[in-house]
């Protein structure tokens, strides 16, 4: 099934209420995913998030979909509908940046264990010459978590300059430290190889081929009413259609670590296309099956306990969206704004959770919700669990 066909199917399910196993269930009759519904409803009632969209895919079908709660609370309460777009935050890393970069890996433009400074010579400054592209993709570079935001600066060029001047906190390959600088650097590598801007390359070579018509960096003003707001910025302006991540925002909203906006339908298309291509089934996913296998299996330095694929999380302290049932070897990622996607090729399943948990004041967590929803969904999907 094409990406556009999957989007159409999901839109129809949303319009009909979208709950239950594929084919639906009678009104008022609890379906097998009622435990998921209860978990999300309780999280909203407890103030963990204003609303959420949950999609569960299994065996090539969407088996559960529901929108819960509200899109916005401030300045006015708004209902959450099927067209709501979310700031994907760090889901940008695996969904956009890693795919774009690995297209150049397939083309032979680089090898994973090449030092990044081979292609970005200034990156060798201040002790970074040994950092490889694999180190960056797995967060084993030793770089600090983020660029310094304690002083005013703006612009992609200034961000790039600051990346080049950054000093590692640890030797490359020594330990896992999740770092946005890693993926800012990888975004710069995409621009180097493509001779294009990151957002345009991702749009034309990743999102458009998948039919993800409601996904992009820098969403246009016409989309703003459909975007879930996040929180107030430093000028007390509610962020809506402007990236929440402060570093990406200083870079103009386009960066390798954050900036993508998307909705449930597009992300479901993405997840299914990935599972299909990885399994060797027909798919529009813009990478080869063997590349996806490489990306979604452990690639961290030998002997290190934190398991990371290329762009994807496998088994670290960030892996709570796996829950208690999906096995180690499944993979996924989270976004700071409250988004997550977890995929299990073994059961041919995925769980997508989109929230704006930072709205309106940034003080909420959906870590437990992600874990519990994945556990409840997997118990339906995997017999005997």
Protein backbone atom coordinates (compact mmCIF):
# COMPACT_ATOMS: atom_id res chain seq x y z
CA UNK A 1 0.00 0.00 0.00
CA UNK A 2 1.35 3.43 -0.93
CA UNK A 3 2.00 6.20 1.57
CA UNK A 4 -0.91 8.24 0.23
CA UNK A 5 -3.26 5.23 0.52
CA UNK A 6 -2.19 4.64 4.11
CA UNK A 7 -2.79 8.30 4.89
CA UNK A 8 -6.28 8.08 3.40
CA UNK A 9 -7.10 4.97 5.44
CA UNK A 10 -5.89 6.60 8.63
CA UNK A 11 -7.87 9.77 7.94
CA UNK A 12 -11.03 7.70 7.50
CA UNK A 13 -10.36 5.87 10.76
CA UNK A 14 -9.82 9.17 12.55
CA UNK A 15 -13.06 10.60 11.20
CA UNK A 16 -14.88 7.52 12.47
CA UNK A 17 -13.32 7.70 15.92
CA UNK A 18 -10.41 5.41 15.15
CA UNK A 19 -10.58 3.09 18.17
CA UNK A 20 -10.32 -0.67 18.31
CA UNK A 21 -8.79 -3.35 16.17
CA UNK A 22 -8.83 -2.89 12.41
CA UNK A 23 -12.44 -2.99 11.30
CA UNK A 24 -13.60 -1.22 14.47
CA UNK A 25 -15.93 -2.38 17.19
CA UNK A 26 -19.45 -1.56 18.20
CA UNK A 27 -20.08 1.79 19.84
CA UNK A 28 -19.82 1.54 23.61
CA UNK A 29 -18.20 -1.90 23.53
CA UNK A 30 -14.67 -1.83 25.01
CA UNK A 31 -12.08 -3.03 22.53
CA UNK A 32 -8.85 -4.88 23.23
CA UNK A 33 -6.99 -1.58 23.54
CA UNK A 34 -9.24 -0.23 26.29
CA UNK A 35 -6.29 -0.40 28.74
CA UNK A 36 -4.38 1.99 26.46
CA UNK A 37 -7.34 4.36 26.42
CA UNK A 38 -7.60 4.30 30.20
CA UNK A 39 -3.90 5.05 30.61
CA UNK A 40 -4.02 8.06 28.31
CA UNK A 41 -7.28 9.38 29.75
CA UNK A 42 -5.82 9.13 33.25
CA UNK A 43 -2.61 10.92 32.22
CA UNK A 44 -4.66 13.79 30.79
CA UNK A 45 -6.84 13.95 33.90
CA UNK A 46 -3.69 14.05 36.04
CA UNK A 47 -2.31 16.98 34.02
CA UNK A 48 0.60 15.11 32.44
CA UNK A 49 -0.36 16.38 28.97
CA UNK A 50 -3.24 18.38 27.46
CA UNK A 51 -3.91 15.66 24.91
CA UNK A 52 -2.42 12.85 22.89
CA UNK A 53 -2.70 10.89 19.68
CA UNK A 54 -1.85 7.18 19.87
CA UNK A 55 -1.43 4.92 16.84
CA UNK A 56 -0.66 1.21 17.08
CA UNK A 57 0.32 -0.66 13.94
CA UNK A 58 0.59 -4.43 13.60
CA UNK A 59 0.97 -6.79 10.66
CA UNK A 60 0.78 -4.00 8.11
CA UNK A 61 -2.46 -2.55 9.54
CA UNK A 62 -3.40 0.21 11.92
CA UNK A 63 -5.06 -1.74 14.73
CA UNK A 64 -5.68 1.13 17.12
CA UNK A 65 -5.91 4.87 16.70
CA UNK A 66 -7.38 7.50 18.96
CA UNK A 67 -7.06 11.21 19.65
CA UNK A 68 -7.55 12.19 23.31
CA UNK A 69 -7.97 15.43 25.20
CA UNK A 70 -7.15 18.88 23.87
CA UNK A 71 -4.70 20.43 21.48
CA UNK A 72 -4.26 23.62 23.53
CA UNK A 73 -5.10 24.98 26.96
CA UNK A 74 -3.61 28.49 26.63
CA UNK A 75 -4.62 31.10 25.61
CA UNK A 76 -7.86 29.19 24.88
CA UNK A 77 -8.90 25.56 25.16
CA UNK A 78 -9.01 23.83 21.78
CA UNK A 79 -10.25 20.36 20.86
CA UNK A 80 -7.73 17.89 19.54
CA UNK A 81 -8.65 16.69 16.05
CA UNK A 82 -7.24 14.34 13.46
CA UNK A 83 -5.31 17.10 11.69
CA UNK A 84 -3.17 18.13 14.66
CA UNK A 85 0.52 18.51 13.90
CA UNK A 86 3.21 18.17 16.55
CA UNK A 87 6.73 19.43 17.06
CA UNK A 88 8.62 16.16 16.70
CA UNK A 89 11.65 17.48 18.64
CA UNK A 90 14.38 14.79 18.72
CA UNK A 91 12.42 12.38 16.54
CA UNK A 92 13.96 14.62 13.87
CA UNK A 93 17.23 12.77 14.51
CA UNK A 94 16.26 9.27 13.26
CA UNK A 95 13.28 10.18 11.08
CA UNK A 96 14.93 12.91 9.01
CA UNK A 97 18.65 13.48 9.57
CA UNK A 98 19.84 9.89 9.85
CA UNK A 99 17.89 8.76 6.78
CA UNK A 100 19.25 11.67 4.75
CA UNK A 101 22.82 10.95 5.80
CA UNK A 102 22.58 7.21 5.19
CA UNK A 103 21.53 7.85 1.60
CA UNK A 104 25.07 9.15 1.09
CA UNK A 105 26.45 6.10 2.88
CA UNK A 106 24.64 3.94 0.33
CA UNK A 107 26.12 6.08 -2.44
CA UNK A 108 29.64 5.44 -1.11
CA UNK A 109 30.29 9.05 -0.10
CA UNK A 110 31.65 8.04 3.32
CA UNK A 111 32.29 5.11 5.63
CA UNK A 112 30.90 4.95 9.14
CA UNK A 113 34.33 4.86 10.77
CA UNK A 114 35.64 7.84 8.82
CA UNK A 115 36.53 10.77 11.06
CA UNK A 116 33.98 13.55 10.66
CA UNK A 117 36.82 16.03 10.11
CA UNK A 118 37.64 14.31 6.80
CA UNK A 119 34.59 16.10 5.41
CA UNK A 120 34.35 19.03 7.86
CA UNK A 121 38.04 19.94 8.38
CA UNK A 122 37.39 22.55 11.08
CA UNK A 123 35.73 19.85 13.18
CA UNK A 124 39.21 18.58 14.11
CA UNK A 125 39.76 21.58 16.38
CA UNK A 126 40.05 21.21 20.14
CA UNK A 127 40.58 17.47 20.27
CA UNK A 128 37.83 16.18 17.97
CA UNK A 129 39.96 14.62 15.22
CA UNK A 130 39.25 11.06 16.41
CA UNK A 131 35.46 11.40 16.41
CA UNK A 132 33.95 9.27 13.65
CA UNK A 133 30.59 9.45 11.95
CA UNK A 134 29.62 6.25 13.78
CA UNK A 135 30.46 7.93 17.10
CA UNK A 136 28.15 10.82 16.21
CA UNK A 137 25.29 8.55 15.12
CA UNK A 138 25.49 6.44 18.30
CA UNK A 139 26.16 9.30 20.76
CA UNK A 140 29.58 7.92 21.68
CA UNK A 141 31.48 11.01 20.50
CA UNK A 142 32.23 12.35 23.98
CA UNK A 143 30.81 15.75 23.07
CA UNK A 144 28.73 17.71 25.61
CA UNK A 145 24.94 17.52 25.44
CA UNK A 146 24.32 20.90 23.79
CA UNK A 147 25.84 24.14 22.59
CA UNK A 148 26.29 26.88 25.16
CA UNK A 149 23.16 29.02 25.29
CA UNK A 150 24.26 31.24 28.18
CA UNK A 151 25.14 34.12 25.84
CA UNK A 152 23.08 35.51 22.94
CA UNK A 153 23.81 34.17 19.47
CA UNK A 154 21.76 33.32 16.39
CA UNK A 155 22.16 31.76 12.96
CA UNK A 156 23.18 28.47 11.40
CA UNK A 157 26.65 29.75 10.56
CA UNK A 158 27.27 30.77 14.16
CA UNK A 159 26.00 27.40 15.36
CA UNK A 160 28.37 25.65 12.95
CA UNK A 161 31.27 27.78 14.21
CA UNK A 162 30.44 26.86 17.79
CA UNK A 163 30.27 23.17 16.89
CA UNK A 164 33.76 23.38 15.39
CA UNK A 165 35.09 25.05 18.55
CA UNK A 166 33.43 22.61 20.98
CA UNK A 167 35.73 20.55 23.20
CA UNK A 168 34.85 16.94 24.05
CA UNK A 169 34.06 16.04 27.64
CA UNK A 170 35.23 12.43 27.15
CA UNK A 171 37.44 10.53 24.69
CA UNK A 172 35.60 9.31 21.61
CA UNK A 173 34.09 5.85 22.10
CA UNK A 174 34.46 5.84 25.88
CA UNK A 175 30.88 6.36 27.03
CA UNK A 176 27.35 7.11 25.90
CA UNK A 177 26.37 10.77 26.29
CA UNK A 178 23.26 11.85 24.41
CA UNK A 179 24.26 15.03 22.57
CA UNK A 180 22.40 17.38 20.26
CA UNK A 181 25.80 18.55 19.00
CA UNK A 182 26.27 15.12 17.43
CA UNK A 183 23.23 15.60 15.23
CA UNK A 184 23.84 19.25 14.50
CA UNK A 185 27.16 18.00 13.10
CA UNK A 186 25.43 15.24 11.13
CA UNK A 187 23.09 17.85 9.66
CA UNK A 188 26.16 19.78 8.53
CA UNK A 189 27.45 16.59 6.90
CA UNK A 190 24.17 16.19 4.99
CA UNK A 191 24.59 19.73 3.70
CA UNK A 192 28.21 19.00 2.77
CA UNK A 193 27.36 15.89 0.78
CA UNK A 194 24.16 17.22 -0.80
CA UNK A 195 25.24 20.80 -1.56
CA UNK A 196 21.75 21.67 -0.38
CA UNK A 197 20.07 22.92 2.78
CA UNK A 198 19.09 20.24 5.27
CA UNK A 199 15.39 21.09 5.17
CA UNK A 200 15.14 21.09 1.37
CA UNK A 201 17.10 17.86 1.04
CA UNK A 202 14.99 16.08 3.67
CA UNK A 203 11.78 17.34 2.09
CA UNK A 204 12.62 16.23 -1.44
CA UNK A 205 14.56 13.01 -0.72
CA UNK A 206 12.93 11.64 2.43
CA UNK A 207 9.48 13.07 3.16
CA UNK A 208 8.08 13.59 -0.34
CA UNK A 209 8.98 10.07 -1.57
CA UNK A 210 7.02 8.68 1.39
CA UNK A 211 4.00 10.86 0.66
CA UNK A 212 4.39 12.69 3.97
CA UNK A 213 2.57 15.80 2.82
CA UNK A 214 1.98 17.10 6.35
CA UNK A 215 5.59 16.88 7.51
CA UNK A 216 8.31 19.48 7.16
CA UNK A 217 10.70 21.86 8.80
CA UNK A 218 9.42 25.45 9.03
CA UNK A 219 5.68 24.79 8.68
CA UNK A 220 3.88 27.53 6.73
CA UNK A 221 1.63 30.06 8.51
CA UNK A 222 -1.48 28.38 7.08
CA UNK A 223 -0.70 25.29 9.17
CA UNK A 224 -0.44 27.20 12.44
CA UNK A 225 -4.04 26.68 13.65
CA UNK A 226 -3.57 22.91 13.32
CA UNK A 227 -0.28 22.78 15.24
CA UNK A 228 -0.23 21.83 18.91
CA UNK A 229 1.42 24.70 20.83
CA UNK A 230 4.27 23.98 23.22
CA UNK A 231 5.20 26.65 25.77
CA UNK A 232 6.06 30.31 26.24
CA UNK A 233 9.41 31.51 24.93
CA UNK A 234 11.70 34.01 26.66
CA UNK A 235 9.49 36.88 25.46
CA UNK A 236 6.39 35.16 26.86
CA UNK A 237 5.11 34.33 23.37
CA UNK A 238 3.43 30.93 23.05
CA UNK A 239 5.41 28.79 20.61
CA UNK A 240 3.16 27.42 17.89
CA UNK A 241 4.61 26.32 14.60
CA UNK A 242 8.00 27.51 15.84
CA UNK A 243 10.39 24.84 17.05
CA UNK A 244 10.47 24.38 20.82
CA UNK A 245 14.14 23.40 21.05
CA UNK A 246 16.06 26.59 21.89
CA UNK A 247 19.20 25.69 19.93
CA UNK A 248 17.27 24.81 16.79
CA UNK A 249 15.24 27.98 17.27
CA UNK A 250 18.43 30.06 17.35
CA UNK A 251 19.45 28.29 14.15
CA UNK A 252 16.27 29.41 12.41
CA UNK A 253 14.26 26.24 12.99
CA UNK A 254 16.32 23.89 10.82
CA UNK A 255 18.88 21.64 12.50
CA UNK A 256 19.92 18.02 12.48
CA UNK A 257 18.70 17.43 16.02
CA UNK A 258 15.27 19.13 16.03
CA UNK A 259 12.87 21.09 13.86
CA UNK A 260 10.62 18.58 12.11
CA UNK A 261 6.82 18.92 12.44
CA UNK A 262 4.48 16.07 11.55
CA UNK A 263 1.13 14.46 12.33
CA UNK A 264 -0.07 10.99 13.26
CA UNK A 265 -1.00 9.96 9.73
CA UNK A 266 2.40 10.83 8.30
CA UNK A 267 4.29 9.23 11.16
CA UNK A 268 2.22 6.05 10.80
CA UNK A 269 3.10 5.99 7.11
CA UNK A 270 6.76 6.41 8.03
CA UNK A 271 6.71 3.63 10.62
CA UNK A 272 4.97 1.15 8.34
CA UNK A 273 7.25 1.95 5.41
CA UNK A 274 10.28 1.36 7.63
CA UNK A 275 9.00 -2.01 8.87
CA UNK A 276 8.07 -3.05 5.33
CA UNK A 277 11.44 -2.11 3.84
CA UNK A 278 13.38 -3.72 6.68
CA UNK A 279 11.41 -6.95 6.13
CA UNK A 280 11.99 -6.85 2.37
CA UNK A 281 8.36 -6.07 1.53
CA UNK A 282 7.37 -3.45 -1.08
CA UNK A 283 7.94 0.00 0.40
CA UNK A 284 8.68 3.59 -0.56
CA UNK A 285 11.18 3.93 2.30
CA UNK A 286 14.20 5.67 0.76
CA UNK A 287 16.90 3.27 1.97
CA UNK A 288 17.85 -0.34 1.23
CA UNK A 289 16.82 -3.18 3.60
CA UNK A 290 20.44 -3.92 4.48
CA UNK A 291 21.03 -0.27 5.40
CA UNK A 292 17.99 -0.29 7.67
CA UNK A 293 19.20 -3.51 9.28
CA UNK A 294 22.51 -1.80 10.01
CA UNK A 295 20.77 1.26 11.44
CA UNK A 296 18.48 -0.69 13.74
CA UNK A 297 20.97 -3.12 15.27
CA UNK A 298 23.61 -2.26 17.90
CA UNK A 299 26.44 -0.14 16.47
CA UNK A 300 28.03 1.27 19.63
CA UNK A 301 31.71 0.54 20.41
CA UNK A 302 32.43 -3.06 21.39
CA UNK A 303 31.78 -3.89 25.03
CA UNK A 304 29.74 -0.78 25.81
CA UNK A 305 26.49 -1.52 27.68
CA UNK A 306 24.32 1.26 26.22
CA UNK A 307 22.96 -0.13 22.96
CA UNK A 308 22.42 2.33 20.12
CA UNK A 309 21.74 1.83 16.46
CA UNK A 310 22.51 4.51 13.90
CA UNK A 311 20.19 7.29 14.99
CA UNK A 312 17.93 4.86 16.85
CA UNK A 313 17.80 3.96 20.55
CA UNK A 314 17.84 0.24 21.39
CA UNK A 315 18.65 -0.24 25.09
CA UNK A 316 19.63 2.77 27.21
CA UNK A 317 18.03 4.72 30.04
CA UNK A 318 16.03 6.51 27.32
CA UNK A 319 14.32 3.28 26.24
CA UNK A 320 11.19 3.53 28.42
CA UNK A 321 8.90 3.63 25.33
CA UNK A 322 9.79 -0.05 24.80
CA UNK A 323 7.73 -0.95 27.87
CA UNK A 324 8.01 -4.34 29.57
CA UNK A 325 7.01 -6.63 26.69
CA UNK A 326 8.71 -5.54 23.47
CA UNK A 327 12.15 -7.18 23.49
CA UNK A 328 15.60 -5.67 23.54
CA UNK A 329 16.32 -5.49 19.84
CA UNK A 330 13.24 -3.45 19.14
CA UNK A 331 14.10 0.22 18.66
CA UNK A 332 12.73 3.72 18.75
CA UNK A 333 13.24 7.29 19.87
CA UNK A 334 11.66 10.04 21.90
CA UNK A 335 11.23 13.79 21.54
CA UNK A 336 11.47 16.30 24.38
CA UNK A 337 8.09 17.84 23.55
CA UNK A 338 6.37 14.53 24.34
CA UNK A 339 6.62 12.51 21.14
CA UNK A 340 7.80 8.92 20.78
CA UNK A 341 7.91 6.09 18.27
CA UNK A 342 8.86 2.50 19.11
CA UNK A 343 9.08 -0.30 16.54
CA UNK A 344 9.36 -4.07 17.01
CA UNK A 345 10.23 -5.93 13.79
CA UNK A 346 9.81 -9.28 15.56
CA UNK A 347 6.08 -8.76 16.04
CA UNK A 348 5.78 -6.40 13.04
CA UNK A 349 4.42 -3.68 15.30
CA UNK A 350 4.88 -0.05 16.23
CA UNK A 351 3.53 2.30 18.89
CA UNK A 352 3.37 6.01 18.12
CA UNK A 353 2.55 8.53 20.85
CA UNK A 354 2.27 12.23 20.06
CA UNK A 355 1.77 14.74 22.87
CA UNK A 356 2.64 18.34 23.65
CA UNK A 357 3.35 17.56 27.29
CA UNK A 358 5.37 20.81 27.67
CA UNK A 359 2.22 22.91 27.12
CA UNK A 360 1.72 25.42 28.57
CA UNK A 361 4.50 25.75 31.16
CA UNK A 362 6.93 22.89 30.43
CA UNK A 363 6.49 21.16 33.76
CA UNK A 364 5.02 17.77 32.88
CA UNK A 365 6.31 14.27 32.10
CA UNK A 366 5.01 11.44 29.91
CA UNK A 367 7.89 9.04 30.59
CA UNK A 368 5.68 6.65 32.56
CA UNK A 369 2.83 7.01 30.08
CA UNK A 370 5.07 5.97 27.18
CA UNK A 371 6.22 2.90 29.09
CA UNK A 372 2.75 1.86 30.19
CA UNK A 373 1.09 2.40 26.80
CA UNK A 374 3.77 0.31 25.06
CA UNK A 375 3.35 -2.44 27.64
CA UNK A 376 -0.44 -2.48 27.33
CA UNK A 377 -0.33 -2.43 23.53
CA UNK A 378 2.27 -5.18 23.30
CA UNK A 379 0.20 -7.45 25.55
CA UNK A 380 -2.58 -7.24 22.96
CA UNK A 381 -0.28 -7.75 19.99
CA UNK A 382 2.02 -10.51 21.22
CA UNK A 383 0.26 -13.73 22.34
CA UNK A 384 1.20 -15.13 25.71
CA UNK A 385 2.60 -11.92 27.18
